[in-house]
Amino acid sequence: MPRIAIVGFDRFTDIDLFLAWDLFSRVQVPGWKVEIVALTEQITSSTGIAITRHATLDTASSADAVYFASGDGSRDLAASPALRESLRLDPARQVLAAVDSGTLLLATLGHLRGMRATTYPGDELRDLITPHGVEVVQEALVTEGNIGTAAQCLAGVDLIHWVIARLVGEAEAERAIATARPL
């Protein structure tokens, strides 16, 4: 039963969380389950939309895929000991993905050390990510093994497709996306 955890937090970027939620939720694979996980019961987007999490952040540790949304709040979460205390991820058995500043969270957890990754273009995020031993490159999508990063929200569509393909295979991902049920 493939389970995807989308990591949210206060001041997340609406499109990065809701786009992933919408596209992952449209996949018609038996047992497919998508959840928004967070440290707190309720999280609020950067534009003021409040939502209730489906599960606690630590449940992402047992998911088949973990997708990190982005937003200004990613910096606070990266600085919080709760991030490292709550998440025990394993790229050998899990697909790990991050869009924009979500890459900072993967870097903080140590999963990008010695790797190439991408994030929103600009100095601020690059300067926060590179001290974690990450080579930040200006590409739309960077994947290595079970880890993928996307540079901007629209590259998130490609990252979402990549996650689906890693979980159920490319042919099944194409079929699942082509036959996604309308909502």
Protein backbone atom coordinates (compact mmCIF):
# COMPACT_ATOMS: atom_id res chain seq x y z
CA MET A 1 0.00 0.00 0.00
CA PRO A 2 1.99 3.06 -1.18
CA ARG A 3 1.75 5.90 1.34
CA ILE A 4 2.94 9.44 0.65
CA ALA A 5 3.52 11.98 3.40
CA ILE A 6 3.53 15.65 2.37
CA VAL A 7 5.40 17.67 4.98
CA GLY A 8 3.73 20.97 5.81
CA PHE A 9 4.47 23.69 8.35
CA ASP A 10 3.33 27.20 9.21
CA ARG A 11 3.93 29.69 6.39
CA PHE A 12 4.08 26.99 3.68
CA THR A 13 3.74 28.07 0.05
CA ASP A 14 0.18 27.28 -1.04
CA ILE A 15 0.94 26.00 -4.53
CA ASP A 16 3.76 23.70 -3.41
CA LEU A 17 1.65 21.89 -0.83
CA PHE A 18 -1.74 21.99 -2.56
CA LEU A 19 -0.37 21.07 -6.01
CA ALA A 20 1.34 17.99 -4.56
CA TRP A 21 -1.81 17.12 -2.56
CA ASP A 22 -4.04 17.47 -5.62
CA LEU A 23 -1.86 15.54 -8.08
CA PHE A 24 -0.91 12.75 -5.68
CA SER A 25 -4.57 12.38 -4.67
CA ARG A 26 -5.64 11.84 -8.28
CA VAL A 27 -3.53 8.70 -8.73
CA GLN A 28 -5.62 5.54 -8.93
CA VAL A 29 -3.34 2.82 -7.63
CA PRO A 30 -4.82 0.26 -5.21
CA GLY A 31 -4.00 1.18 -1.63
CA TRP A 32 -2.57 4.58 -2.57
CA LYS A 33 -2.76 6.95 0.42
CA VAL A 34 -1.72 10.61 0.68
CA GLU A 35 -1.44 12.51 3.96
CA ILE A 36 -0.35 15.99 4.99
CA VAL A 37 1.87 15.68 8.05
CA ALA A 38 3.05 18.46 10.36
CA LEU A 39 4.38 19.14 13.84
CA THR A 40 1.22 20.98 14.87
CA GLU A 41 -2.45 20.06 14.50
CA GLN A 42 -3.12 23.11 12.32
CA ILE A 43 -0.82 24.86 9.88
CA THR A 44 -1.38 28.12 8.04
CA SER A 45 -0.09 28.99 4.58
CA SER A 46 1.81 32.15 3.74
CA THR A 47 -1.46 33.57 2.38
CA GLY A 48 -3.47 32.73 5.49
CA ILE A 49 -5.20 29.46 4.54
CA ALA A 50 -5.40 27.27 7.65
CA ILE A 51 -5.60 23.48 7.31
CA THR A 52 -5.63 20.56 9.71
CA ARG A 53 -2.92 17.94 9.33
CA HIS A 54 -3.85 14.33 8.67
CA ALA A 55 -1.07 12.89 10.80
CA THR A 56 1.85 13.86 12.99
CA LEU A 57 5.23 14.63 11.44
CA ASP A 58 6.84 11.50 12.85
CA THR A 59 4.49 9.28 10.80
CA ALA A 60 6.44 10.34 7.71
CA SER A 61 9.22 8.05 8.92
CA SER A 62 7.15 5.03 7.89
CA ALA A 63 5.83 6.44 4.58
CA ASP A 64 6.96 5.08 1.23
CA ALA A 65 7.57 8.63 -0.01
CA VAL A 66 8.09 11.92 1.80
CA TYR A 67 7.49 15.16 -0.11
CA PHE A 68 8.68 18.40 1.49
CA ALA A 69 6.67 21.50 0.59
CA SER A 70 8.32 24.92 0.68
CA GLY A 71 7.70 28.32 2.18
CA ASP A 72 9.17 30.90 4.49
CA GLY A 73 8.39 28.65 7.45
CA SER A 74 10.88 26.07 6.20
CA ARG A 75 13.69 28.12 7.74
CA ASP A 76 12.07 27.94 11.20
CA LEU A 77 11.43 24.22 10.86
CA ALA A 78 15.02 23.62 9.70
CA ALA A 79 16.29 25.43 12.82
CA SER A 80 13.98 23.47 15.14
CA PRO A 81 15.35 20.42 16.96
CA ALA A 82 11.85 18.95 16.51
CA LEU A 83 12.61 18.32 12.82
CA ARG A 84 15.53 16.00 13.57
CA GLU A 85 13.75 14.46 16.59
CA SER A 86 10.57 13.69 14.61
CA LEU A 87 11.91 12.41 11.29
CA ARG A 88 13.96 9.27 10.82
CA LEU A 89 14.04 8.93 7.06
CA ASP A 90 15.82 6.28 5.03
CA PRO A 91 16.48 6.95 1.34
CA ALA A 92 17.33 3.26 0.88
CA ARG A 93 13.65 2.38 1.42
CA GLN A 94 11.88 5.73 0.94
CA VAL A 95 11.54 8.18 -1.92
CA LEU A 96 12.47 11.64 -0.63
CA ALA A 97 11.50 14.76 -2.55
CA ALA A 98 11.62 18.50 -1.90
CA VAL A 99 10.50 21.55 -3.82
CA ASP A 100 12.05 25.02 -3.49
CA SER A 101 12.99 25.70 0.15
CA GLY A 102 11.91 22.19 1.13
CA THR A 103 15.41 21.30 -0.08
CA LEU A 104 16.72 23.06 3.04
CA LEU A 105 14.82 20.54 5.18
CA LEU A 106 16.32 17.56 3.36
CA ALA A 107 19.77 19.15 3.67
CA THR A 108 19.27 19.83 7.39
CA LEU A 109 18.39 16.18 7.92
CA GLY A 110 21.68 15.21 6.22
CA HIS A 111 20.16 13.46 3.22
CA LEU A 112 21.81 15.67 0.59
CA ARG A 113 25.41 15.61 1.89
CA GLY A 114 27.81 15.10 -1.00
CA MET A 115 25.01 15.40 -3.56
CA ARG A 116 23.77 17.87 -6.13
CA ALA A 117 20.41 19.50 -5.41
CA THR A 118 18.35 22.41 -6.62
CA THR A 119 16.19 25.02 -4.96
CA TYR A 120 14.61 28.37 -5.70
CA PRO A 121 17.24 30.48 -7.49
CA GLY A 122 18.96 33.06 -5.35
CA ASP A 123 21.69 33.47 -2.80
CA GLU A 124 19.68 33.16 0.44
CA LEU A 125 18.66 29.50 0.10
CA ARG A 126 21.91 28.47 -1.54
CA ASP A 127 23.80 30.03 1.39
CA LEU A 128 21.65 28.09 3.89
CA ILE A 129 21.91 24.75 2.05
CA THR A 130 25.59 24.57 0.99
CA PRO A 131 26.97 24.39 4.57
CA HIS A 132 25.29 20.98 4.76
CA GLY A 133 27.74 19.66 2.15
CA VAL A 134 25.37 20.12 -0.79
CA GLU A 135 26.28 21.34 -4.27
CA VAL A 136 23.40 23.64 -5.21
CA VAL A 137 22.87 23.76 -8.97
CA GLN A 138 20.55 25.86 -11.12
CA GLU A 139 18.48 23.12 -12.74
CA ALA A 140 14.72 22.58 -12.71
CA LEU A 141 14.89 19.00 -11.41
CA VAL A 142 17.75 17.06 -9.87
CA THR A 143 17.40 13.38 -8.96
CA GLU A 144 19.86 10.91 -7.55
CA GLY A 145 18.75 7.48 -6.45
CA ASN A 146 15.64 7.88 -4.30
CA ILE A 147 16.14 11.61 -3.70
CA GLY A 148 14.78 14.39 -5.89
CA THR A 149 14.67 18.18 -5.65
CA ALA A 150 12.83 20.75 -7.77
CA ALA A 151 13.78 24.40 -8.22
CA GLN A 152 10.41 26.08 -8.39
CA CYS A 153 6.73 25.36 -7.94
CA LEU A 154 6.11 24.53 -11.60
CA ALA A 155 9.05 22.13 -11.61
CA GLY A 156 7.14 20.49 -8.77
CA VAL A 157 4.89 18.85 -11.39
CA ASP A 158 7.92 17.00 -12.76
CA LEU A 159 9.01 16.12 -9.23
CA ILE A 160 5.57 14.71 -8.41
CA HIS A 161 5.65 12.61 -11.61
CA TRP A 162 9.13 11.37 -10.64
CA VAL A 163 7.89 10.36 -7.15
CA ILE A 164 4.97 8.43 -8.64
CA ALA A 165 7.29 6.69 -11.11
CA ARG A 166 9.71 5.71 -8.32
CA LEU A 167 6.85 4.18 -6.35
CA VAL A 168 4.94 2.34 -9.07
CA GLY A 169 7.19 2.36 -12.16
CA GLU A 170 7.27 4.68 -15.15
CA ALA A 171 4.65 2.82 -17.20
CA GLU A 172 2.24 2.74 -14.27
CA ALA A 173 2.97 6.40 -13.51
CA GLU A 174 2.13 7.37 -17.08
CA ARG A 175 -1.06 5.33 -16.95
CA ALA A 176 -2.00 6.66 -13.51
CA ILE A 177 -1.47 10.28 -14.56
CA ALA A 178 -3.20 9.84 -17.92
CA THR A 179 -6.22 8.24 -16.27
CA ALA A 180 -6.26 10.41 -13.15
CA ARG A 181 -9.80 10.80 -11.98
CA PRO A 182 -11.16 14.33 -12.25
CA LEU A 183 -11.93 15.94 -8.94
